[in-house]
Amino acid sequence: MEETVSNKKEPKAKPEEKEMSFWDHMEELRRHIIRSVLAIFILSIGAFIGRKFIFDGIILAPTHSDFVTNQFFCWIGTFLHIGNLCMDNIELKIVNLNMSGQFTTHVYISMAAGLIVGIPYIVWEFWRFLRPALKKKERRMARIGAGVVSLLFIVGVLFGYYVIVPLTVNFFGGYQVSDLVANQISLTSYISTVVSATFASGIVFELPVVVFFLVRIGLITPAYLKRTRKYMLVIILTIAAVITPPDVFSQILVSIPLYGLFEISIWVASRALKEKAA
């Protein structure tokens, strides 16, 4: 009888309640990393198999006059009676200069596509790793944060692909220092431009999240961001002037979302400061 009571008083600890050692945490992290790498690998294989869709339907699509962004600009130009907005005369001659250039580019693009598409899953895997160490309120905030990070990255990638890339391709592809010099764009140069512009745009759109954490740890303040407004506006206008055709409408189209992102960052910084004070 005493033995039964003793057993009831000392129930066995559940496996999830046991405190994990440092190496247990490392093993758990390794599993999450392996799953993330495996997901990227599978997505890359899918992109490799869908070569025609990836290259003709996505990578090379901004060079066509019937691309959705090019048609939109042409419609806006017609509506506003601005003739130079139509990007229907893009004549890019993309050439391959290396024997294995097309194959290596195919592999590179497949891996890049797997990484970009797999970013939300990678964020989710690391959220699963951190979740057990968080309290209930912290879990809720972290879940929201993971969703916001994924959403901002996706929006940034779409903005880069549908706005930055067509404007960049149209401007630099048609830019000539002399009529005697013809543009023959190498395949690697074109691919590098598309991938870097798209991926960089996705990273830039994470600015509110970065600002939130910098405010939380005390490196910056909303007052500092407000003081740098005019400098940031000049930087944004300069970037827009470089990557867009020489017309005011294109520069405004690129500048407004980027500056809006900076203003959102100021609002996020103010909220983060209030939460920290509370």
C-alpha atoms as a PDB file:
ATOM      1  CA  MET A   1       0.000   0.000   0.000  1.00  0.00           C
ATOM      2  CA  GLU A   2       2.803   2.376   0.920  1.00  0.00           C
ATOM      3  CA  GLU A   3       4.535   1.464  -2.295  1.00  0.00           C
ATOM      4  CA  THR A   4       1.412   2.384  -4.309  1.00  0.00           C
ATOM      5  CA  VAL A   5       1.102   5.756  -2.578  1.00  0.00           C
ATOM      6  CA  SER A   6       4.772   6.403  -3.180  1.00  0.00           C
ATOM      7  CA  ASN A   7       4.332   5.688  -6.885  1.00  0.00           C
ATOM      8  CA  LYS A   8       1.415   8.119  -7.077  1.00  0.00           C
ATOM      9  CA  LYS A   9       3.367  10.850  -5.364  1.00  0.00           C
ATOM     10  CA  GLU A  10       6.295  10.534  -7.749  1.00  0.00           C
ATOM     11  CA  PRO A  11       4.928  10.237 -11.286  1.00  0.00           C
ATOM     12  CA  LYS A  12       7.419   9.695 -14.049  1.00  0.00           C
ATOM     13  CA  ALA A  13       8.523  12.849 -15.849  1.00  0.00           C
ATOM     14  CA  LYS A  14       7.293  13.204 -19.384  1.00  0.00           C
ATOM     15  CA  PRO A  15       9.989  13.257 -22.042  1.00  0.00           C
ATOM     16  CA  GLU A  16       9.081  16.817 -23.112  1.00  0.00           C
ATOM     17  CA  GLU A  17       9.433  18.018 -19.503  1.00  0.00           C
ATOM     18  CA  LYS A  18      13.009  16.816 -19.168  1.00  0.00           C
ATOM     19  CA  GLU A  19      15.606  19.535 -19.359  1.00  0.00           C
ATOM     20  CA  MET A  20      17.709  19.205 -22.486  1.00  0.00           C
ATOM     21  CA  SER A  21      21.468  19.465 -22.379  1.00  0.00           C
ATOM     22  CA  PHE A  22      23.522  21.681 -24.665  1.00  0.00           C
ATOM     23  CA  TRP A  23      24.265  18.780 -27.003  1.00  0.00           C
ATOM     24  CA  ASP A  24      20.584  17.809 -27.071  1.00  0.00           C
ATOM     25  CA  HIS A  25      19.797  21.335 -28.256  1.00  0.00           C
ATOM     26  CA  MET A  26      22.523  21.071 -30.893  1.00  0.00           C
ATOM     27  CA  GLU A  27      21.110  17.752 -32.084  1.00  0.00           C
ATOM     28  CA  GLU A  28      17.622  19.250 -32.297  1.00  0.00           C
ATOM     29  CA  LEU A  29      18.970  22.260 -34.205  1.00  0.00           C
ATOM     30  CA  ARG A  30      20.794  19.905 -36.573  1.00  0.00           C
ATOM     31  CA  ARG A  31      17.507  18.144 -37.374  1.00  0.00           C
ATOM     32  CA  HIS A  32      15.799  21.442 -38.199  1.00  0.00           C
ATOM     33  CA  ILE A  33      18.729  22.510 -40.399  1.00  0.00           C
ATOM     34  CA  ILE A  34      18.712  19.165 -42.219  1.00  0.00           C
ATOM     35  CA  ARG A  35      14.971  19.461 -42.882  1.00  0.00           C
ATOM     36  CA  SER A  36      15.457  23.024 -44.164  1.00  0.00           C
ATOM     37  CA  VAL A  37      18.304  21.991 -46.477  1.00  0.00           C
ATOM     38  CA  LEU A  38      16.273  19.006 -47.665  1.00  0.00           C
ATOM     39  CA  ALA A  39      13.298  21.271 -48.451  1.00  0.00           C
ATOM     40  CA  ILE A  40      15.548  23.612 -50.462  1.00  0.00           C
ATOM     41  CA  PHE A  41      17.024  20.609 -52.289  1.00  0.00           C
ATOM     42  CA  ILE A  42      13.578  19.226 -53.211  1.00  0.00           C
ATOM     43  CA  LEU A  43      12.352  22.645 -54.365  1.00  0.00           C
ATOM     44  CA  SER A  44      15.555  23.080 -56.396  1.00  0.00           C
ATOM     45  CA  ILE A  45      14.975  19.741 -58.113  1.00  0.00           C
ATOM     46  CA  GLY A  46      11.436  20.829 -58.962  1.00  0.00           C
ATOM     47  CA  ALA A  47      12.776  24.080 -60.405  1.00  0.00           C
ATOM     48  CA  PHE A  48      15.425  22.153 -62.371  1.00  0.00           C
ATOM     49  CA  ILE A  49      12.778  19.891 -63.907  1.00  0.00           C
ATOM     50  CA  GLY A  50      10.525  22.828 -64.758  1.00  0.00           C
ATOM     51  CA  ARG A  51      13.246  24.489 -66.819  1.00  0.00           C
ATOM     52  CA  LYS A  52      10.963  25.906 -69.537  1.00  0.00           C
ATOM     53  CA  PHE A  53       8.568  27.497 -67.059  1.00  0.00           C
ATOM     54  CA  ILE A  54      11.376  28.877 -64.873  1.00  0.00           C
ATOM     55  CA  PHE A  55      13.345  30.461 -67.723  1.00  0.00           C
ATOM     56  CA  ASP A  56      10.764  31.327 -70.388  1.00  0.00           C
ATOM     57  CA  GLY A  57       7.885  32.040 -68.021  1.00  0.00           C
ATOM     58  CA  ILE A  58       9.771  33.792 -65.182  1.00  0.00           C
ATOM     59  CA  ILE A  59      13.448  34.665 -65.724  1.00  0.00           C
ATOM     60  CA  LEU A  60      13.242  35.908 -69.319  1.00  0.00           C
ATOM     61  CA  ALA A  61       9.639  37.150 -69.143  1.00  0.00           C
ATOM     62  CA  PRO A  62      10.558  40.773 -68.212  1.00  0.00           C
ATOM     63  CA  THR A  63      12.333  41.126 -71.586  1.00  0.00           C
ATOM     64  CA  HIS A  64       9.057  40.620 -73.478  1.00  0.00           C
ATOM     65  CA  SER A  65       6.825  43.530 -74.401  1.00  0.00           C
ATOM     66  CA  ASP A  66       3.731  41.554 -73.310  1.00  0.00           C
ATOM     67  CA  PHE A  67       5.021  41.195 -69.728  1.00  0.00           C
ATOM     68  CA  VAL A  68       2.378  42.429 -67.289  1.00  0.00           C
ATOM     69  CA  THR A  69       4.514  45.311 -65.966  1.00  0.00           C
ATOM     70  CA  ASN A  70       5.458  46.471 -69.450  1.00  0.00           C
ATOM     71  CA  GLN A  71       1.808  46.449 -70.512  1.00  0.00           C
ATOM     72  CA  PHE A  72       0.837  48.367 -67.366  1.00  0.00           C
ATOM     73  CA  PHE A  73       3.456  51.056 -68.022  1.00  0.00           C
ATOM     74  CA  CYS A  74       2.316  51.344 -71.616  1.00  0.00           C
ATOM     75  CA  TRP A  75      -1.303  51.750 -70.495  1.00  0.00           C
ATOM     76  CA  ILE A  76      -0.310  54.416 -67.961  1.00  0.00           C
ATOM     77  CA  GLY A  77       1.746  56.194 -70.633  1.00  0.00           C
ATOM     78  CA  THR A  78      -1.211  56.206 -73.013  1.00  0.00           C
ATOM     79  CA  PHE A  79      -3.556  57.432 -70.298  1.00  0.00           C
ATOM     80  CA  LEU A  80      -1.213  60.238 -69.211  1.00  0.00           C
ATOM     81  CA  HIS A  81      -0.033  60.955 -72.792  1.00  0.00           C
ATOM     82  CA  ILE A  82       3.573  60.074 -71.908  1.00  0.00           C
ATOM     83  CA  GLY A  83       5.063  58.294 -74.888  1.00  0.00           C
ATOM     84  CA  ASN A  84       8.327  56.992 -73.432  1.00  0.00           C
ATOM     85  CA  LEU A  85       6.685  54.751 -70.815  1.00  0.00           C
ATOM     86  CA  CYS A  86       5.923  51.966 -73.287  1.00  0.00           C
ATOM     87  CA  MET A  87       8.630  49.313 -73.058  1.00  0.00           C
ATOM     88  CA  ASP A  88       7.652  47.534 -76.264  1.00  0.00           C
ATOM     89  CA  ASN A  89      10.962  47.935 -78.082  1.00  0.00           C
ATOM     90  CA  ILE A  90      13.203  45.897 -75.787  1.00  0.00           C
ATOM     91  CA  GLU A  91      15.688  44.078 -78.011  1.00  0.00           C
ATOM     92  CA  LEU A  92      17.973  42.239 -75.640  1.00  0.00           C
ATOM     93  CA  LYS A  93      20.423  39.905 -77.322  1.00  0.00           C
ATOM     94  CA  ILE A  94      21.335  37.478 -74.577  1.00  0.00           C
ATOM     95  CA  VAL A  95      24.299  35.287 -75.486  1.00  0.00           C
ATOM     96  CA  ASN A  96      26.100  32.421 -73.790  1.00  0.00           C
ATOM     97  CA  LEU A  97      29.889  32.730 -73.781  1.00  0.00           C
ATOM     98  CA  ASN A  98      30.964  29.548 -71.964  1.00  0.00           C
ATOM     99  CA  MET A  99      30.733  25.927 -73.052  1.00  0.00           C
ATOM    100  CA  SER A 100      28.975  24.849 -69.844  1.00  0.00           C
ATOM    101  CA  GLY A 101      27.421  28.267 -69.227  1.00  0.00           C
ATOM    102  CA  GLN A 102      23.818  27.285 -69.872  1.00  0.00           C
ATOM    103  CA  PHE A 103      24.015  24.165 -67.706  1.00  0.00           C
ATOM    104  CA  THR A 104      25.709  25.909 -64.777  1.00  0.00           C
ATOM    105  CA  THR A 105      23.200  28.766 -65.050  1.00  0.00           C
ATOM    106  CA  HIS A 106      20.385  26.217 -65.018  1.00  0.00           C
ATOM    107  CA  VAL A 107      21.758  24.687 -61.806  1.00  0.00           C
ATOM    108  CA  TYR A 108      22.356  28.105 -60.222  1.00  0.00           C
ATOM    109  CA  ILE A 109      18.845  29.338 -60.981  1.00  0.00           C
ATOM    110  CA  SER A 110      17.321  26.103 -59.684  1.00  0.00           C
ATOM    111  CA  MET A 111      19.174  26.486 -56.381  1.00  0.00           C
ATOM    112  CA  ALA A 112      18.248  30.182 -56.123  1.00  0.00           C
ATOM    113  CA  ALA A 113      14.593  29.372 -56.811  1.00  0.00           C
ATOM    114  CA  GLY A 114      14.656  26.623 -54.175  1.00  0.00           C
ATOM    115  CA  LEU A 115      16.125  29.037 -51.618  1.00  0.00           C
ATOM    116  CA  ILE A 116      13.702  31.891 -52.349  1.00  0.00           C
ATOM    117  CA  VAL A 117      10.606  29.677 -52.361  1.00  0.00           C
ATOM    118  CA  GLY A 118      11.849  27.812 -49.277  1.00  0.00           C
ATOM    119  CA  ILE A 119      12.436  30.913 -47.102  1.00  0.00           C
ATOM    120  CA  PRO A 120       8.984  30.716 -45.407  1.00  0.00           C
ATOM    121  CA  TYR A 121       9.556  27.026 -44.580  1.00  0.00           C
ATOM    122  CA  ILE A 122      13.029  27.782 -43.177  1.00  0.00           C
ATOM    123  CA  VAL A 123      11.554  30.498 -40.944  1.00  0.00           C
ATOM    124  CA  TRP A 124       8.901  28.028 -39.781  1.00  0.00           C
ATOM    125  CA  GLU A 125      11.543  25.379 -38.947  1.00  0.00           C
ATOM    126  CA  PHE A 126      13.536  27.779 -36.805  1.00  0.00           C
ATOM    127  CA  TRP A 127      10.327  28.891 -35.137  1.00  0.00           C
ATOM    128  CA  ARG A 128       9.699  25.255 -34.191  1.00  0.00           C
ATOM    129  CA  PHE A 129      13.202  25.080 -32.729  1.00  0.00           C
ATOM    130  CA  LEU A 130      12.748  28.198 -30.584  1.00  0.00           C
ATOM    131  CA  ARG A 131       9.137  27.539 -29.538  1.00  0.00           C
ATOM    132  CA  PRO A 132       9.814  25.206 -26.565  1.00  0.00           C
ATOM    133  CA  ALA A 133      12.045  27.827 -24.925  1.00  0.00           C
ATOM    134  CA  LEU A 134       9.406  30.545 -25.106  1.00  0.00           C
ATOM    135  CA  LYS A 135       6.566  31.402 -22.765  1.00  0.00           C
ATOM    136  CA  LYS A 136       2.971  31.479 -23.960  1.00  0.00           C
ATOM    137  CA  LYS A 137       2.967  35.219 -24.729  1.00  0.00           C
ATOM    138  CA  GLU A 138       6.410  34.998 -26.319  1.00  0.00           C
ATOM    139  CA  ARG A 139       5.248  32.117 -28.507  1.00  0.00           C
ATOM    140  CA  ARG A 140       2.347  34.193 -29.762  1.00  0.00           C
ATOM    141  CA  MET A 141       4.638  37.119 -30.569  1.00  0.00           C
ATOM    142  CA  ALA A 142       7.204  34.861 -32.215  1.00  0.00           C
ATOM    143  CA  ARG A 143       4.490  33.206 -34.323  1.00  0.00           C
ATOM    144  CA  ILE A 144       3.315  36.610 -35.496  1.00  0.00           C
ATOM    145  CA  GLY A 145       6.919  37.647 -36.130  1.00  0.00           C
ATOM    146  CA  ALA A 146       7.617  34.570 -38.255  1.00  0.00           C
ATOM    147  CA  GLY A 147       4.495  35.279 -40.307  1.00  0.00           C
ATOM    148  CA  VAL A 148       5.451  38.933 -40.762  1.00  0.00           C
ATOM    149  CA  VAL A 149       9.014  38.035 -41.816  1.00  0.00           C
ATOM    150  CA  SER A 150       7.730  35.575 -44.429  1.00  0.00           C
ATOM    151  CA  LEU A 151       5.063  37.966 -45.711  1.00  0.00           C
ATOM    152  CA  LEU A 152       7.455  40.911 -46.019  1.00  0.00           C
ATOM    153  CA  PHE A 153      10.005  38.783 -47.861  1.00  0.00           C
ATOM    154  CA  ILE A 154       7.399  37.507 -50.335  1.00  0.00           C
ATOM    155  CA  VAL A 155       6.053  41.028 -50.941  1.00  0.00           C
ATOM    156  CA  GLY A 156       9.612  42.289 -51.426  1.00  0.00           C
ATOM    157  CA  VAL A 157      10.430  39.544 -53.928  1.00  0.00           C
ATOM    158  CA  LEU A 158       7.257  40.291 -55.906  1.00  0.00           C
ATOM    159  CA  PHE A 159       8.026  44.025 -55.877  1.00  0.00           C
ATOM    160  CA  GLY A 160      11.572  43.361 -57.064  1.00  0.00           C
ATOM    161  CA  TYR A 161      10.443  41.023 -59.840  1.00  0.00           C
ATOM    162  CA  TYR A 162       7.450  42.986 -61.135  1.00  0.00           C
ATOM    163  CA  VAL A 163       8.812  46.523 -60.684  1.00  0.00           C
ATOM    164  CA  ILE A 164      12.589  46.688 -60.173  1.00  0.00           C
ATOM    165  CA  VAL A 165      13.607  44.018 -62.696  1.00  0.00           C
ATOM    166  CA  PRO A 166      11.569  45.251 -65.721  1.00  0.00           C
ATOM    167  CA  LEU A 167      12.684  48.852 -65.176  1.00  0.00           C
ATOM    168  CA  THR A 168      16.309  47.807 -64.736  1.00  0.00           C
ATOM    169  CA  VAL A 169      16.266  45.536 -67.797  1.00  0.00           C
ATOM    170  CA  ASN A 170      14.596  48.198 -69.932  1.00  0.00           C
ATOM    171  CA  PHE A 171      16.979  50.960 -68.864  1.00  0.00           C
ATOM    172  CA  PHE A 172      20.347  49.199 -68.873  1.00  0.00           C
ATOM    173  CA  GLY A 173      19.451  46.862 -71.750  1.00  0.00           C
ATOM    174  CA  GLY A 174      18.679  49.799 -74.011  1.00  0.00           C
ATOM    175  CA  TYR A 175      21.325  52.212 -72.755  1.00  0.00           C
ATOM    176  CA  GLN A 176      24.033  53.040 -75.322  1.00  0.00           C
ATOM    177  CA  VAL A 177      26.998  55.397 -75.153  1.00  0.00           C
ATOM    178  CA  SER A 178      27.105  55.348 -78.975  1.00  0.00           C
ATOM    179  CA  ASP A 179      25.076  53.908 -81.837  1.00  0.00           C
ATOM    180  CA  LEU A 180      28.255  52.133 -82.916  1.00  0.00           C
ATOM    181  CA  VAL A 181      28.261  50.031 -79.739  1.00  0.00           C
ATOM    182  CA  ALA A 182      25.646  47.257 -79.676  1.00  0.00           C
ATOM    183  CA  ASN A 183      24.542  45.586 -76.448  1.00  0.00           C
ATOM    184  CA  GLN A 184      25.073  41.847 -76.294  1.00  0.00           C
ATOM    185  CA  ILE A 185      24.213  40.820 -72.752  1.00  0.00           C
ATOM    186  CA  SER A 186      25.843  37.674 -71.430  1.00  0.00           C
ATOM    187  CA  LEU A 187      23.520  35.094 -69.917  1.00  0.00           C
ATOM    188  CA  THR A 188      25.339  35.158 -66.571  1.00  0.00           C
ATOM    189  CA  SER A 189      25.148  38.971 -66.403  1.00  0.00           C
ATOM    190  CA  TYR A 190      21.409  38.994 -67.071  1.00  0.00           C
ATOM    191  CA  ILE A 191      20.711  36.183 -64.593  1.00  0.00           C
ATOM    192  CA  SER A 192      22.835  37.886 -61.929  1.00  0.00           C
ATOM    193  CA  THR A 193      20.890  41.130 -62.389  1.00  0.00           C
ATOM    194  CA  VAL A 194      17.481  39.440 -62.101  1.00  0.00           C
ATOM    195  CA  VAL A 195      18.378  37.288 -59.089  1.00  0.00           C
ATOM    196  CA  SER A 196      20.229  40.009 -57.169  1.00  0.00           C
ATOM    197  CA  ALA A 197      17.483  42.612 -57.748  1.00  0.00           C
ATOM    198  CA  THR A 198      14.746  40.193 -56.701  1.00  0.00           C
ATOM    199  CA  PHE A 199      16.519  38.780 -53.657  1.00  0.00           C
ATOM    200  CA  ALA A 200      17.835  42.175 -52.522  1.00  0.00           C
ATOM    201  CA  SER A 201      14.316  43.604 -52.710  1.00  0.00           C
ATOM    202  CA  GLY A 202      13.067  40.779 -50.480  1.00  0.00           C
ATOM    203  CA  ILE A 203      15.800  41.552 -47.939  1.00  0.00           C
ATOM    204  CA  VAL A 204      15.137  45.312 -48.035  1.00  0.00           C
ATOM    205  CA  PHE A 205      11.470  44.715 -47.219  1.00  0.00           C
ATOM    206  CA  GLU A 206      12.578  43.160 -43.913  1.00  0.00           C
ATOM    207  CA  LEU A 207      13.572  46.645 -42.745  1.00  0.00           C
ATOM    208  CA  PRO A 208      10.650  47.017 -40.264  1.00  0.00           C
ATOM    209  CA  VAL A 209      11.588  43.725 -38.586  1.00  0.00           C
ATOM    210  CA  VAL A 210      15.257  44.721 -38.331  1.00  0.00           C
ATOM    211  CA  VAL A 211      14.289  48.116 -36.902  1.00  0.00           C
ATOM    212  CA  PHE A 212      12.015  46.447 -34.336  1.00  0.00           C
ATOM    213  CA  PHE A 213      14.858  44.329 -32.953  1.00  0.00           C
ATOM    214  CA  LEU A 214      17.368  47.194 -33.028  1.00  0.00           C
ATOM    215  CA  VAL A 215      14.980  49.322 -30.976  1.00  0.00           C
ATOM    216  CA  ARG A 216      14.333  46.481 -28.542  1.00  0.00           C
ATOM    217  CA  ILE A 217      18.043  46.088 -27.824  1.00  0.00           C
ATOM    218  CA  GLY A 218      18.543  49.856 -27.630  1.00  0.00           C
ATOM    219  CA  LEU A 219      20.764  50.501 -30.661  1.00  0.00           C
ATOM    220  CA  ILE A 220      18.422  52.975 -32.350  1.00  0.00           C
ATOM    221  CA  THR A 221      15.414  55.092 -31.388  1.00  0.00           C
ATOM    222  CA  PRO A 222      12.370  56.450 -33.272  1.00  0.00           C
ATOM    223  CA  ALA A 223      13.802  59.958 -32.777  1.00  0.00           C
ATOM    224  CA  TYR A 224      16.969  58.939 -34.615  1.00  0.00           C
ATOM    225  CA  LEU A 225      14.955  57.534 -37.536  1.00  0.00           C
ATOM    226  CA  LYS A 226      12.910  60.723 -37.740  1.00  0.00           C
ATOM    227  CA  ARG A 227      16.112  62.792 -37.867  1.00  0.00           C
ATOM    228  CA  THR A 228      17.393  60.720 -40.795  1.00  0.00           C
ATOM    229  CA  ARG A 229      14.197  61.124 -42.861  1.00  0.00           C
ATOM    230  CA  LYS A 230      15.658  63.648 -45.292  1.00  0.00           C
ATOM    231  CA  TYR A 231      18.818  61.614 -45.829  1.00  0.00           C
ATOM    232  CA  MET A 232      16.832  58.450 -46.419  1.00  0.00           C
ATOM    233  CA  LEU A 233      14.612  60.259 -48.925  1.00  0.00           C
ATOM    234  CA  VAL A 234      17.681  61.394 -50.883  1.00  0.00           C
ATOM    235  CA  ILE A 235      19.089  57.838 -50.865  1.00  0.00           C
ATOM    236  CA  ILE A 236      15.787  56.353 -52.048  1.00  0.00           C
ATOM    237  CA  LEU A 237      15.422  58.933 -54.845  1.00  0.00           C
ATOM    238  CA  THR A 238      19.009  58.256 -55.929  1.00  0.00           C
ATOM    239  CA  ILE A 239      18.428  54.507 -56.070  1.00  0.00           C
ATOM    240  CA  ALA A 240      15.184  55.030 -57.999  1.00  0.00           C
ATOM    241  CA  ALA A 241      16.927  57.373 -60.453  1.00  0.00           C
ATOM    242  CA  VAL A 242      19.641  54.783 -61.154  1.00  0.00           C
ATOM    243  CA  ILE A 243      17.442  51.730 -61.731  1.00  0.00           C
ATOM    244  CA  THR A 244      14.551  53.385 -63.591  1.00  0.00           C
ATOM    245  CA  PRO A 245      14.214  55.032 -67.007  1.00  0.00           C
ATOM    246  CA  PRO A 246      14.781  58.812 -67.032  1.00  0.00           C
ATOM    247  CA  ASP A 247      11.179  59.804 -66.371  1.00  0.00           C
ATOM    248  CA  VAL A 248       9.562  61.124 -63.225  1.00  0.00           C
ATOM    249  CA  PHE A 249       6.692  58.617 -63.155  1.00  0.00           C
ATOM    250  CA  SER A 250       8.974  55.558 -62.960  1.00  0.00           C
ATOM    251  CA  GLN A 251      11.069  57.146 -60.222  1.00  0.00           C
ATOM    252  CA  ILE A 252       7.981  57.971 -58.171  1.00  0.00           C
ATOM    253  CA  LEU A 253       6.593  54.454 -58.684  1.00  0.00           C
ATOM    254  CA  VAL A 254       9.733  52.938 -57.149  1.00  0.00           C
ATOM    255  CA  SER A 255      10.327  55.636 -54.517  1.00  0.00           C
ATOM    256  CA  ILE A 256       6.878  55.602 -52.893  1.00  0.00           C
ATOM    257  CA  PRO A 257       6.916  51.936 -51.699  1.00  0.00           C
ATOM    258  CA  LEU A 258      10.513  52.218 -50.457  1.00  0.00           C
ATOM    259  CA  TYR A 259       9.858  55.430 -48.568  1.00  0.00           C
ATOM    260  CA  GLY A 260       6.585  53.998 -47.254  1.00  0.00           C
ATOM    261  CA  LEU A 261       8.613  51.077 -45.905  1.00  0.00           C
ATOM    262  CA  PHE A 262      10.847  53.533 -44.044  1.00  0.00           C
ATOM    263  CA  GLU A 263       7.815  55.293 -42.515  1.00  0.00           C
ATOM    264  CA  ILE A 264       6.408  51.921 -41.446  1.00  0.00           C
ATOM    265  CA  SER A 265       9.766  51.247 -39.786  1.00  0.00           C
ATOM    266  CA  ILE A 266       9.437  54.481 -37.790  1.00  0.00           C
ATOM    267  CA  TRP A 267       5.953  53.437 -36.632  1.00  0.00           C
ATOM    268  CA  VAL A 268       7.251  49.966 -35.723  1.00  0.00           C
ATOM    269  CA  ALA A 269      10.130  51.576 -33.807  1.00  0.00           C
ATOM    270  CA  SER A 270       7.688  53.703 -31.796  1.00  0.00           C
ATOM    271  CA  ARG A 271       5.572  50.663 -30.930  1.00  0.00           C
ATOM    272  CA  ALA A 272       8.652  48.667 -29.964  1.00  0.00           C
ATOM    273  CA  LEU A 273       9.854  51.476 -27.677  1.00  0.00           C
ATOM    274  CA  LYS A 274       6.454  51.635 -25.926  1.00  0.00           C
ATOM    275  CA  GLU A 275       6.424  47.855 -25.427  1.00  0.00           C
ATOM    276  CA  LYS A 276       9.966  47.964 -24.051  1.00  0.00           C
ATOM    277  CA  ALA A 277       9.024  50.718 -21.614  1.00  0.00           C
ATOM    278  CA  ALA A 278       5.919  48.803 -20.519  1.00  0.00           C
END
